[in-house]
């Protein structure tokens, strides 16, 4: 794939774990030097698991290298 690393990329997700389907692309862009941001609209607080989902998301974004 060819990516324009001079552009900024913003990925928008409804809730944590939706990024699983595009995380590889996000990581590729980051490794190539592109500016990448992720936005999650909710905490995923289904059945009261919001706090756990937020902790999982923090770990996932750290692994991806997101700010």
PDB file of N, CA and C in Angstrom:
ATOM      1  N   UNK A   1       0.824  -1.187   0.000  1.00  0.00           N
ATOM      2  CA  UNK A   1       0.000   0.000   0.000  1.00  0.00           C
ATOM      3  C   UNK A   1       0.864   1.245   0.000  1.00  0.00           C
ATOM      4  N   UNK A   2       0.408   2.248  -0.679  1.00  0.00           N
ATOM      5  CA  UNK A   2       1.087   3.539  -0.676  1.00  0.00           C
ATOM      6  C   UNK A   2       0.305   4.511   0.191  1.00  0.00           C
ATOM      7  N   UNK A   3       0.997   5.096   1.143  1.00  0.00           N
ATOM      8  CA  UNK A   3       0.381   6.060   2.036  1.00  0.00           C
ATOM      9  C   UNK A   3       1.087   7.396   1.894  1.00  0.00           C
ATOM     10  N   UNK A   4       0.346   8.462   1.939  1.00  0.00           N
ATOM     11  CA  UNK A   4       0.912   9.802   1.938  1.00  0.00           C
ATOM     12  C   UNK A   4       1.215  10.175   3.384  1.00  0.00           C
ATOM     13  N   UNK A   5       2.461  10.054   3.766  1.00  0.00           N
ATOM     14  CA  UNK A   5       2.841  10.285   5.161  1.00  0.00           C
ATOM     15  C   UNK A   5       2.942  11.768   5.502  1.00  0.00           C
ATOM     16  N   UNK A   6       2.715  12.642   4.529  1.00  0.00           N
ATOM     17  CA  UNK A   6       2.706  14.072   4.823  1.00  0.00           C
ATOM     18  C   UNK A   6       1.325  14.524   5.286  1.00  0.00           C
ATOM     19  N   UNK A   7       0.349  13.646   5.196  1.00  0.00           N
ATOM     20  CA  UNK A   7      -1.017  13.970   5.609  1.00  0.00           C
ATOM     21  C   UNK A   7      -1.256  13.549   7.055  1.00  0.00           C
ATOM     22  N   UNK A   8      -2.293  14.123   7.653  1.00  0.00           N
ATOM     23  CA  UNK A   8      -2.720  13.728   8.990  1.00  0.00           C
ATOM     24  C   UNK A   8      -3.891  12.769   8.837  1.00  0.00           C
ATOM     25  N   UNK A   9      -3.926  11.749   9.666  1.00  0.00           N
ATOM     26  CA  UNK A   9      -4.984  10.745   9.620  1.00  0.00           C
ATOM     27  C   UNK A   9      -5.716  10.723  10.953  1.00  0.00           C
ATOM     28  N   UNK A  10      -7.042  10.776  10.890  1.00  0.00           N
ATOM     29  CA  UNK A  10      -7.874  10.695  12.082  1.00  0.00           C
ATOM     30  C   UNK A  10      -8.842   9.534  11.882  1.00  0.00           C
ATOM     31  N   UNK A  11      -8.841   8.615  12.821  1.00  0.00           N
ATOM     32  CA  UNK A  11      -9.729   7.459  12.776  1.00  0.00           C
ATOM     33  C   UNK A  11     -10.786   7.639  13.864  1.00  0.00           C
ATOM     34  N   UNK A  12     -12.040   7.473  13.500  1.00  0.00           N
ATOM     35  CA  UNK A  12     -13.158   7.693  14.405  1.00  0.00           C
ATOM     36  C   UNK A  12     -13.848   6.361  14.703  1.00  0.00           C
ATOM     37  N   UNK A  13     -14.045   6.078  15.992  1.00  0.00           N
ATOM     38  CA  UNK A  13     -14.640   4.815  16.417  1.00  0.00           C
ATOM     39  C   UNK A  13     -15.783   5.067  17.391  1.00  0.00           C
ATOM     40  N   UNK A  14     -16.795   4.227  17.338  1.00  0.00           N
ATOM     41  CA  UNK A  14     -17.929   4.355  18.259  1.00  0.00           C
ATOM     42  C   UNK A  14     -17.516   4.020  19.682  1.00  0.00           C
ATOM     43  N   UNK A  15     -16.775   2.929  19.855  1.00  0.00           N
ATOM     44  CA  UNK A  15     -16.349   2.536  21.200  1.00  0.00           C
ATOM     45  C   UNK A  15     -15.096   1.676  21.121  1.00  0.00           C
ATOM     46  N   UNK A  16     -14.431   1.482  22.270  1.00  0.00           N
ATOM     47  CA  UNK A  16     -13.207   0.700  22.299  1.00  0.00           C
ATOM     48  C   UNK A  16     -13.404  -0.677  21.677  1.00  0.00           C
ATOM     49  N   UNK A  17     -12.423  -1.161  21.064  1.00  0.00           N
ATOM     50  CA  UNK A  17     -12.250  -2.439  20.362  1.00  0.00           C
ATOM     51  C   UNK A  17     -12.705  -2.376  18.907  1.00  0.00           C
ATOM     52  N   UNK A  18     -13.391  -1.293  18.499  1.00  0.00           N
ATOM     53  CA  UNK A  18     -13.740  -1.146  17.088  1.00  0.00           C
ATOM     54  C   UNK A  18     -12.494  -0.925  16.238  1.00  0.00           C
ATOM     55  N   UNK A  19     -11.427  -0.462  16.870  1.00  0.00           N
ATOM     56  CA  UNK A  19     -10.182  -0.206  16.158  1.00  0.00           C
ATOM     57  C   UNK A  19      -9.455  -1.488  15.760  1.00  0.00           C
ATOM     58  N   UNK A  20      -9.877  -2.615  16.289  1.00  0.00           N
ATOM     59  CA  UNK A  20      -9.189  -3.882  16.014  1.00  0.00           C
ATOM     60  C   UNK A  20      -9.129  -4.193  14.521  1.00  0.00           C
ATOM     61  N   UNK A  21     -10.110  -3.732  13.772  1.00  0.00           N
ATOM     62  CA  UNK A  21     -10.167  -4.050  12.352  1.00  0.00           C
ATOM     63  C   UNK A  21      -9.238  -3.186  11.500  1.00  0.00           C
ATOM     64  N   UNK A  22      -8.773  -2.066  12.036  1.00  0.00           N
ATOM     65  CA  UNK A  22      -7.946  -1.145  11.260  1.00  0.00           C
ATOM     66  C   UNK A  22      -6.616  -0.848  11.950  1.00  0.00           C
ATOM     67  N   UNK A  23      -6.373  -1.486  13.086  1.00  0.00           N
ATOM     68  CA  UNK A  23      -5.169  -1.210  13.871  1.00  0.00           C
ATOM     69  C   UNK A  23      -3.888  -1.452  13.083  1.00  0.00           C
ATOM     70  N   UNK A  24      -3.880  -2.452  12.213  1.00  0.00           N
ATOM     71  CA  UNK A  24      -2.687  -2.722  11.396  1.00  0.00           C
ATOM     72  C   UNK A  24      -2.359  -1.564  10.471  1.00  0.00           C
ATOM     73  N   UNK A  25      -3.376  -0.986   9.874  1.00  0.00           N
ATOM     74  CA  UNK A  25      -3.175   0.177   9.006  1.00  0.00           C
ATOM     75  C   UNK A  25      -2.696   1.370   9.818  1.00  0.00           C
ATOM     76  N   UNK A  26      -3.287   1.556  10.977  1.00  0.00           N
ATOM     77  CA  UNK A  26      -2.874   2.656  11.839  1.00  0.00           C
ATOM     78  C   UNK A  26      -1.398   2.514  12.217  1.00  0.00           C
ATOM     79  N   UNK A  27      -0.990   1.312  12.602  1.00  0.00           N
ATOM     80  CA  UNK A  27       0.394   1.068  13.002  1.00  0.00           C
ATOM     81  C   UNK A  27       1.343   1.281  11.822  1.00  0.00           C
ATOM     82  N   UNK A  28       0.944   0.834  10.638  1.00  0.00           N
ATOM     83  CA  UNK A  28       1.767   1.028   9.444  1.00  0.00           C
ATOM     84  C   UNK A  28       1.982   2.506   9.181  1.00  0.00           C
ATOM     85  N   UNK A  29       0.929   3.287   9.259  1.00  0.00           N
ATOM     86  CA  UNK A  29       1.052   4.729   9.055  1.00  0.00           C
ATOM     87  C   UNK A  29       1.994   5.360  10.072  1.00  0.00           C
ATOM     88  N   UNK A  30       1.855   4.961  11.327  1.00  0.00           N
ATOM     89  CA  UNK A  30       2.709   5.500  12.390  1.00  0.00           C
ATOM     90  C   UNK A  30       4.169   5.149  12.132  1.00  0.00           C
ATOM     91  N   UNK A  31       4.429   3.899  11.774  1.00  0.00           N
ATOM     92  CA  UNK A  31       5.801   3.463  11.512  1.00  0.00           C
ATOM     93  C   UNK A  31       6.419   4.177  10.315  1.00  0.00           C
ATOM     94  N   UNK A  32       5.586   4.591   9.367  1.00  0.00           N
ATOM     95  CA  UNK A  32       6.077   5.315   8.196  1.00  0.00           C
ATOM     96  C   UNK A  32       6.229   6.812   8.460  1.00  0.00           C
ATOM     97  N   UNK A  33       5.849   7.263   9.666  1.00  0.00           N
ATOM     98  CA  UNK A  33       6.050   8.646  10.057  1.00  0.00           C
ATOM     99  C   UNK A  33       4.852   9.555   9.906  1.00  0.00           C
ATOM    100  N   UNK A  34       3.690   9.011   9.590  1.00  0.00           N
ATOM    101  CA  UNK A  34       2.492   9.837   9.453  1.00  0.00           C
ATOM    102  C   UNK A  34       1.970  10.253  10.828  1.00  0.00           C
ATOM    103  N   UNK A  35       1.265  11.358  10.859  1.00  0.00           N
ATOM    104  CA  UNK A  35       0.606  11.806  12.091  1.00  0.00           C
ATOM    105  C   UNK A  35      -0.762  11.130  12.149  1.00  0.00           C
ATOM    106  N   UNK A  36      -0.959  10.312  13.179  1.00  0.00           N
ATOM    107  CA  UNK A  36      -2.182   9.512  13.298  1.00  0.00           C
ATOM    108  C   UNK A  36      -2.853   9.795  14.640  1.00  0.00           C
ATOM    109  N   UNK A  37      -4.171   9.962  14.590  1.00  0.00           N
ATOM    110  CA  UNK A  37      -4.955  10.186  15.798  1.00  0.00           C
ATOM    111  C   UNK A  37      -6.155   9.254  15.794  1.00  0.00           C
ATOM    112  N   UNK A  38      -6.579   8.841  16.965  1.00  0.00           N
ATOM    113  CA  UNK A  38      -7.779   8.027  17.113  1.00  0.00           C
ATOM    114  C   UNK A  38      -8.758   8.738  18.028  1.00  0.00           C
ATOM    115  N   UNK A  39     -10.037   8.664  17.699  1.00  0.00           N
ATOM    116  CA  UNK A  39     -11.083   9.268  18.513  1.00  0.00           C
ATOM    117  C   UNK A  39     -12.122   8.193  18.802  1.00  0.00           C
ATOM    118  N   UNK A  40     -12.397   7.962  20.081  1.00  0.00           N
ATOM    119  CA  UNK A  40     -13.413   7.001  20.506  1.00  0.00           C
ATOM    120  C   UNK A  40     -14.543   7.800  21.133  1.00  0.00           C
ATOM    121  N   UNK A  41     -15.752   7.584  20.653  1.00  0.00           N
ATOM    122  CA  UNK A  41     -16.887   8.406  21.078  1.00  0.00           C
ATOM    123  C   UNK A  41     -17.487   8.004  22.414  1.00  0.00           C
ATOM    124  N   UNK A  42     -17.291   6.767  22.834  1.00  0.00           N
ATOM    125  CA  UNK A  42     -17.801   6.312  24.125  1.00  0.00           C
ATOM    126  C   UNK A  42     -16.731   5.492  24.833  1.00  0.00           C
ATOM    127  N   UNK A  43     -16.987   5.195  26.087  1.00  0.00           N
ATOM    128  CA  UNK A  43     -16.044   4.381  26.863  1.00  0.00           C
ATOM    129  C   UNK A  43     -16.328   2.890  26.722  1.00  0.00           C
ATOM    130  N   UNK A  44     -17.427   2.542  26.075  1.00  0.00           N
ATOM    131  CA  UNK A  44     -17.798   1.132  25.980  1.00  0.00           C
ATOM    132  C   UNK A  44     -18.387   0.618  27.284  1.00  0.00           C
ATOM    133  N   UNK A  45     -19.118   1.471  27.977  1.00  0.00           N
ATOM    134  CA  UNK A  45     -19.637   1.144  29.305  1.00  0.00           C
ATOM    135  C   UNK A  45     -20.873   0.241  29.238  1.00  0.00           C
ATOM    136  N   UNK A  46     -20.742  -0.835  28.517  1.00  0.00           N
ATOM    137  CA  UNK A  46     -21.824  -1.810  28.411  1.00  0.00           C
ATOM    138  C   UNK A  46     -21.716  -2.767  29.592  1.00  0.00           C
ATOM    139  N   UNK A  47     -22.783  -2.985  30.280  1.00  0.00           N
ATOM    140  CA  UNK A  47     -22.808  -3.826  31.483  1.00  0.00           C
ATOM    141  C   UNK A  47     -21.837  -3.330  32.547  1.00  0.00           C
ATOM    142  N   UNK A  48     -21.617  -1.999  32.599  1.00  0.00           N
ATOM    143  CA  UNK A  48     -20.765  -1.426  33.632  1.00  0.00           C
ATOM    144  C   UNK A  48     -19.289  -1.700  33.464  1.00  0.00           C
ATOM    145  N   UNK A  49     -18.843  -1.994  32.250  1.00  0.00           N
ATOM    146  CA  UNK A  49     -17.441  -2.332  31.998  1.00  0.00           C
ATOM    147  C   UNK A  49     -16.627  -1.160  31.450  1.00  0.00           C
ATOM    148  N   UNK A  50     -17.170   0.059  31.548  1.00  0.00           N
ATOM    149  CA  UNK A  50     -16.505   1.225  30.976  1.00  0.00           C
ATOM    150  C   UNK A  50     -15.101   1.458  31.493  1.00  0.00           C
ATOM    151  N   UNK A  51     -14.922   1.348  32.786  1.00  0.00           N
ATOM    152  CA  UNK A  51     -13.598   1.586  33.367  1.00  0.00           C
ATOM    153  C   UNK A  51     -12.588   0.567  32.851  1.00  0.00           C
ATOM    154  N   UNK A  52     -12.983  -0.691  32.775  1.00  0.00           N
ATOM    155  CA  UNK A  52     -12.095  -1.734  32.250  1.00  0.00           C
ATOM    156  C   UNK A  52     -11.778  -1.483  30.777  1.00  0.00           C
ATOM    157  N   UNK A  53     -12.792  -1.078  29.991  1.00  0.00           N
ATOM    158  CA  UNK A  53     -12.581  -0.799  28.565  1.00  0.00           C
ATOM    159  C   UNK A  53     -11.614   0.362  28.374  1.00  0.00           C
ATOM    160  N   UNK A  54     -11.721   1.381  29.242  1.00  0.00           N
ATOM    161  CA  UNK A  54     -10.818   2.524  29.140  1.00  0.00           C
ATOM    162  C   UNK A  54      -9.377   2.113  29.428  1.00  0.00           C
ATOM    163  N   UNK A  55      -9.171   1.237  30.396  1.00  0.00           N
ATOM    164  CA  UNK A  55      -7.822   0.744  30.700  1.00  0.00           C
ATOM    165  C   UNK A  55      -7.279  -0.079  29.539  1.00  0.00           C
ATOM    166  N   UNK A  56      -8.128  -0.914  28.956  1.00  0.00           N
ATOM    167  CA  UNK A  56      -7.716  -1.714  27.803  1.00  0.00           C
ATOM    168  C   UNK A  56      -7.358  -0.807  26.620  1.00  0.00           C
ATOM    169  N   UNK A  57      -8.150   0.231  26.425  1.00  0.00           N
ATOM    170  CA  UNK A  57      -7.889   1.166  25.341  1.00  0.00           C
ATOM    171  C   UNK A  57      -6.565   1.891  25.545  1.00  0.00           C
ATOM    172  N   UNK A  58      -6.269   2.266  26.774  1.00  0.00           N
ATOM    173  CA  UNK A  58      -4.997   2.930  27.069  1.00  0.00           C
ATOM    174  C   UNK A  58      -3.826   2.029  26.713  1.00  0.00           C
ATOM    175  N   UNK A  59      -3.919   0.766  27.026  1.00  0.00           N
ATOM    176  CA  UNK A  59      -2.857  -0.193  26.678  1.00  0.00           C
ATOM    177  C   UNK A  59      -2.730  -0.350  25.174  1.00  0.00           C
ATOM    178  N   UNK A  60      -3.883  -0.446  24.500  1.00  0.00           N
ATOM    179  CA  UNK A  60      -3.877  -0.630  23.051  1.00  0.00           C
ATOM    180  C   UNK A  60      -3.284   0.574  22.335  1.00  0.00           C
ATOM    181  N   UNK A  61      -3.653   1.787  22.763  1.00  0.00           N
ATOM    182  CA  UNK A  61      -3.116   2.971  22.099  1.00  0.00           C
ATOM    183  C   UNK A  61      -1.612   3.102  22.359  1.00  0.00           C
ATOM    184  N   UNK A  62      -1.167   2.697  23.527  1.00  0.00           N
ATOM    185  CA  UNK A  62       0.271   2.726  23.810  1.00  0.00           C
ATOM    186  C   UNK A  62       1.025   1.750  22.893  1.00  0.00           C
ATOM    187  N   UNK A  63       0.456   0.567  22.695  1.00  0.00           N
ATOM    188  CA  UNK A  63       1.085  -0.413  21.797  1.00  0.00           C
ATOM    189  C   UNK A  63       1.147   0.094  20.356  1.00  0.00           C
ATOM    190  N   UNK A  64       0.094   0.784  19.937  1.00  0.00           N
ATOM    191  CA  UNK A  64       0.078   1.355  18.581  1.00  0.00           C
ATOM    192  C   UNK A  64       1.024   2.534  18.430  1.00  0.00           C
ATOM    193  N   UNK A  65       1.280   3.215  19.533  1.00  0.00           N
ATOM    194  CA  UNK A  65       2.124   4.417  19.471  1.00  0.00           C
ATOM    195  C   UNK A  65       1.324   5.675  19.223  1.00  0.00           C
ATOM    196  N   UNK A  66       0.035   5.647  19.579  1.00  0.00           N
ATOM    197  CA  UNK A  66      -0.805   6.839  19.426  1.00  0.00           C
ATOM    198  C   UNK A  66      -0.542   7.805  20.573  1.00  0.00           C
ATOM    199  N   UNK A  67      -0.683   9.111  20.276  1.00  0.00           N
ATOM    200  CA  UNK A  67      -0.470  10.115  21.350  1.00  0.00           C
ATOM    201  C   UNK A  67      -1.576  10.068  22.388  1.00  0.00           C
TER     202      UNK A  67
END
